[in-house]
Amino acid sequence: MLRSSLIIIVSLLVVSNINAKNPDIKILNKEAKSKVMEFASILKPSLKKALKTEGPASAIKICSEVAPQTAINVSKDSDWNIKRVSLKARNHKTAIPDAWEKSVLEKFDMRQANGEPVAKMMYSEIVDGEFRFMKPQGVEKVCTICHGESIKPEVKSALAEHFPKDMAQGYQLGQVRGAFSLRKKL
């Protein structure tokens, strides 16, 4: 009986160790997508409401204050770290990509230019003991108010106030504007 129990315990430890070295990518992708949905389900309605009730200047304030705090809150109660990044960053405190993120964003741009819909894209891999995941954000009609090619002067003024180094303008519908970037230590 003792021997059987020992065999079971050792087997469980071996399986546990194998799973730690070979995590289930499908499960990690599912978890990451869930975190992206959680983040987006908080941010997007806030932005739309601010745009509708108070105008673009209020929405810009949401992006400058609420978006970074939302990323912190969504990350806080989990073992995920989530942020938004872009090749043309608006918020230089939180949105500058690291080398891995920059490479993935460039690949997203190429995929979009080759006709792949942004909504269907994602990318993940294990890098230095971490699971890394990115899901691009595509430019929708509502995004063009603050990120498009033709931005009203009052919006430009509000952008300059909140984001003095803003580069996130000049986008067209369907382009990759940035991405949700997640990482999880394994």
Protein backbone atom coordinates (compact mmCIF):
# COMPACT_ATOMS: atom_id res chain seq x y z
CA MET A 1 0.00 0.00 0.00
CA LEU A 2 2.80 2.40 0.92
CA ARG A 3 4.65 1.48 -2.24
CA SER A 4 1.54 2.18 -4.38
CA SER A 5 1.11 5.57 -2.74
CA LEU A 6 4.76 6.42 -3.35
CA ILE A 7 4.47 5.44 -7.01
CA ILE A 8 1.40 7.63 -7.42
CA ILE A 9 3.09 10.61 -5.73
CA VAL A 10 6.26 10.25 -7.82
CA SER A 11 4.17 9.91 -10.99
CA LEU A 12 2.24 13.06 -10.16
CA LEU A 13 5.46 14.96 -9.53
CA VAL A 14 6.91 13.82 -12.85
CA VAL A 15 3.74 14.79 -14.74
CA SER A 16 3.66 18.13 -12.92
CA ASN A 17 7.29 18.79 -13.87
CA ILE A 18 6.62 17.85 -17.50
CA ASN A 19 3.63 20.23 -17.60
CA ALA A 20 5.76 23.04 -16.13
CA LYS A 21 8.33 22.52 -18.91
CA ASN A 22 5.71 21.95 -21.64
CA PRO A 23 2.73 24.16 -20.81
CA ASP A 24 -0.50 23.72 -22.72
CA ILE A 25 -0.34 26.57 -25.26
CA LYS A 26 -4.06 26.25 -26.09
CA ILE A 27 -5.00 26.83 -22.46
CA LEU A 28 -2.58 29.76 -22.15
CA ASN A 29 -3.93 31.32 -25.36
CA LYS A 30 -7.49 30.92 -24.06
CA GLU A 31 -6.56 32.56 -20.74
CA ALA A 32 -4.78 35.41 -22.54
CA LYS A 33 -7.74 36.03 -24.87
CA SER A 34 -10.01 36.11 -21.83
CA LYS A 35 -7.80 38.79 -20.23
CA VAL A 36 -7.89 40.83 -23.45
CA MET A 37 -11.68 40.58 -23.50
CA GLU A 38 -11.85 41.63 -19.85
CA PHE A 39 -9.64 44.67 -20.52
CA ALA A 40 -11.54 45.64 -23.68
CA SER A 41 -14.94 45.16 -22.04
CA ILE A 42 -14.00 47.80 -19.48
CA LEU A 43 -12.18 50.28 -21.70
CA LYS A 44 -14.22 50.33 -24.91
CA PRO A 45 -17.62 51.14 -23.32
CA SER A 46 -15.98 53.88 -21.22
CA LEU A 47 -14.48 55.44 -24.34
CA LYS A 48 -17.72 55.22 -26.32
CA LYS A 49 -19.73 56.72 -23.46
CA ALA A 50 -17.25 59.59 -23.02
CA LEU A 51 -17.26 60.28 -26.77
CA LYS A 52 -21.05 60.30 -26.91
CA THR A 53 -21.76 62.33 -23.77
CA GLU A 54 -18.77 64.65 -23.41
CA GLY A 55 -16.87 64.52 -26.68
CA PRO A 56 -13.38 63.52 -27.80
CA ALA A 57 -11.50 65.55 -25.16
CA SER A 58 -13.15 63.46 -22.44
CA ALA A 59 -12.34 60.24 -24.29
CA ILE A 60 -8.69 61.33 -24.50
CA LYS A 61 -8.68 61.73 -20.73
CA ILE A 62 -10.05 58.17 -20.42
CA CYS A 63 -7.15 56.91 -22.58
CA SER A 64 -4.61 58.82 -20.56
CA GLU A 65 -5.88 57.86 -17.09
CA VAL A 66 -8.36 54.97 -17.21
CA ALA A 67 -6.60 52.73 -19.76
CA PRO A 68 -3.32 52.37 -17.82
CA GLN A 69 -5.22 51.86 -14.55
CA THR A 70 -7.44 49.25 -16.21
CA ALA A 71 -4.35 47.35 -17.33
CA ILE A 72 -3.07 47.40 -13.75
CA ASN A 73 -6.43 46.26 -12.36
CA VAL A 74 -6.85 43.42 -14.85
CA SER A 75 -3.30 42.25 -14.11
CA LYS A 76 -3.55 42.68 -10.34
CA ASP A 77 -5.65 39.68 -9.40
CA SER A 78 -3.91 37.23 -11.72
CA ASP A 79 -0.48 36.03 -12.72
CA TRP A 80 -0.78 37.89 -16.04
CA ASN A 81 0.82 41.21 -16.90
CA ILE A 82 -1.19 43.13 -19.49
CA LYS A 83 -0.53 46.37 -21.33
CA ARG A 84 -1.17 48.04 -24.66
CA VAL A 85 1.69 48.79 -27.05
CA SER A 86 2.06 50.45 -30.44
CA LEU A 87 4.68 51.20 -33.07
CA LYS A 88 3.23 54.71 -33.10
CA ALA A 89 2.78 55.25 -29.37
CA ARG A 90 0.49 57.84 -27.92
CA ASN A 91 1.34 57.22 -24.27
CA HIS A 92 5.12 57.07 -24.01
CA LYS A 93 4.94 56.05 -20.34
CA THR A 94 3.11 52.79 -20.98
CA ALA A 95 2.83 51.98 -24.71
CA ILE A 96 6.43 51.69 -25.96
CA PRO A 97 7.02 48.11 -27.14
CA ASP A 98 10.03 46.04 -26.13
CA ALA A 99 12.03 44.31 -28.90
CA TRP A 100 9.80 41.21 -28.94
CA GLU A 101 6.60 43.28 -29.03
CA LYS A 102 8.01 45.52 -31.78
CA SER A 103 8.80 42.47 -33.91
CA VAL A 104 5.29 41.05 -33.44
CA LEU A 105 3.67 44.42 -34.22
CA GLU A 106 5.68 44.62 -37.44
CA LYS A 107 4.48 41.11 -38.35
CA PHE A 108 0.87 42.13 -37.63
CA ASP A 109 1.32 45.13 -39.98
CA MET A 110 2.63 42.83 -42.73
CA ARG A 111 -0.19 40.35 -42.22
CA GLN A 112 -2.77 43.15 -42.39
CA ALA A 113 -1.13 44.61 -45.52
CA ASN A 114 -1.39 41.13 -47.10
CA GLY A 115 -5.15 41.11 -46.49
CA GLU A 116 -5.54 39.23 -43.21
CA PRO A 117 -8.30 40.76 -41.05
CA VAL A 118 -6.92 42.26 -37.83
CA ALA A 119 -9.75 40.74 -35.79
CA LYS A 120 -8.52 37.21 -36.60
CA MET A 121 -4.88 37.84 -35.67
CA MET A 122 -2.98 36.88 -32.56
CA TYR A 123 0.49 35.64 -31.78
CA SER A 124 2.02 33.76 -28.87
CA GLU A 125 5.19 31.96 -27.93
CA ILE A 126 7.35 31.03 -24.96
CA VAL A 127 10.28 33.39 -24.51
CA ASP A 128 12.83 33.09 -21.68
CA GLY A 129 10.50 31.17 -19.36
CA GLU A 130 7.49 33.38 -20.05
CA PHE A 131 4.42 32.90 -22.15
CA ARG A 132 4.07 35.97 -24.38
CA PHE A 133 0.82 36.79 -26.18
CA MET A 134 -0.29 39.65 -28.40
CA LYS A 135 -3.66 40.50 -29.89
CA PRO A 136 -3.75 43.49 -32.25
CA GLN A 137 -6.21 46.35 -32.03
CA GLY A 138 -7.64 47.32 -35.40
CA VAL A 139 -8.72 50.81 -36.36
CA GLU A 140 -12.50 51.08 -36.27
CA LYS A 141 -14.55 54.08 -37.39
CA VAL A 142 -14.79 55.43 -33.84
CA CYS A 143 -10.96 55.28 -33.55
CA THR A 144 -10.47 57.70 -36.45
CA ILE A 145 -11.80 60.62 -34.37
CA CYS A 146 -8.52 60.67 -32.42
CA HIS A 147 -6.27 58.38 -34.46
CA GLY A 148 -7.30 59.09 -38.06
CA GLU A 149 -5.86 61.15 -40.86
CA SER A 150 -8.14 64.15 -40.35
CA ILE A 151 -8.37 65.19 -36.70
CA LYS A 152 -10.28 68.29 -35.60
CA PRO A 153 -8.21 71.13 -34.08
CA GLU A 154 -9.87 70.86 -30.63
CA VAL A 155 -9.03 67.14 -30.56
CA LYS A 156 -5.43 67.84 -31.58
CA SER A 157 -5.22 70.40 -28.77
CA ALA A 158 -6.51 67.89 -26.19
CA LEU A 159 -4.11 65.26 -27.50
CA ALA A 160 -1.17 67.68 -27.20
CA GLU A 161 -2.18 68.41 -23.59
CA HIS A 162 -2.42 64.77 -22.48
CA PHE A 163 0.12 63.21 -24.86
CA PRO A 164 2.82 65.71 -25.86
CA LYS A 165 4.83 63.04 -27.75
CA ASP A 166 1.79 61.56 -29.54
CA MET A 167 2.58 59.62 -32.70
CA ALA A 168 -0.69 57.65 -32.92
CA GLN A 169 -2.32 59.58 -35.74
CA GLY A 170 -2.77 59.09 -39.47
CA TYR A 171 -4.41 55.67 -39.30
CA GLN A 172 -6.97 54.32 -41.77
CA LEU A 173 -9.82 51.91 -41.12
CA GLY A 174 -8.68 48.31 -40.70
CA GLN A 175 -5.04 49.04 -39.94
CA VAL A 176 -3.25 47.73 -36.86
CA ARG A 177 -3.17 50.60 -34.36
CA GLY A 178 -1.43 48.66 -31.62
CA ALA A 179 -1.93 45.53 -29.56
CA PHE A 180 -2.71 44.08 -26.20
CA SER A 181 0.48 42.51 -24.91
CA LEU A 182 0.38 39.89 -22.18
CA ARG A 183 3.03 37.89 -20.40
CA LYS A 184 2.93 35.17 -17.78
CA LYS A 185 5.85 33.57 -16.00
CA LEU A 186 5.88 29.81 -16.35
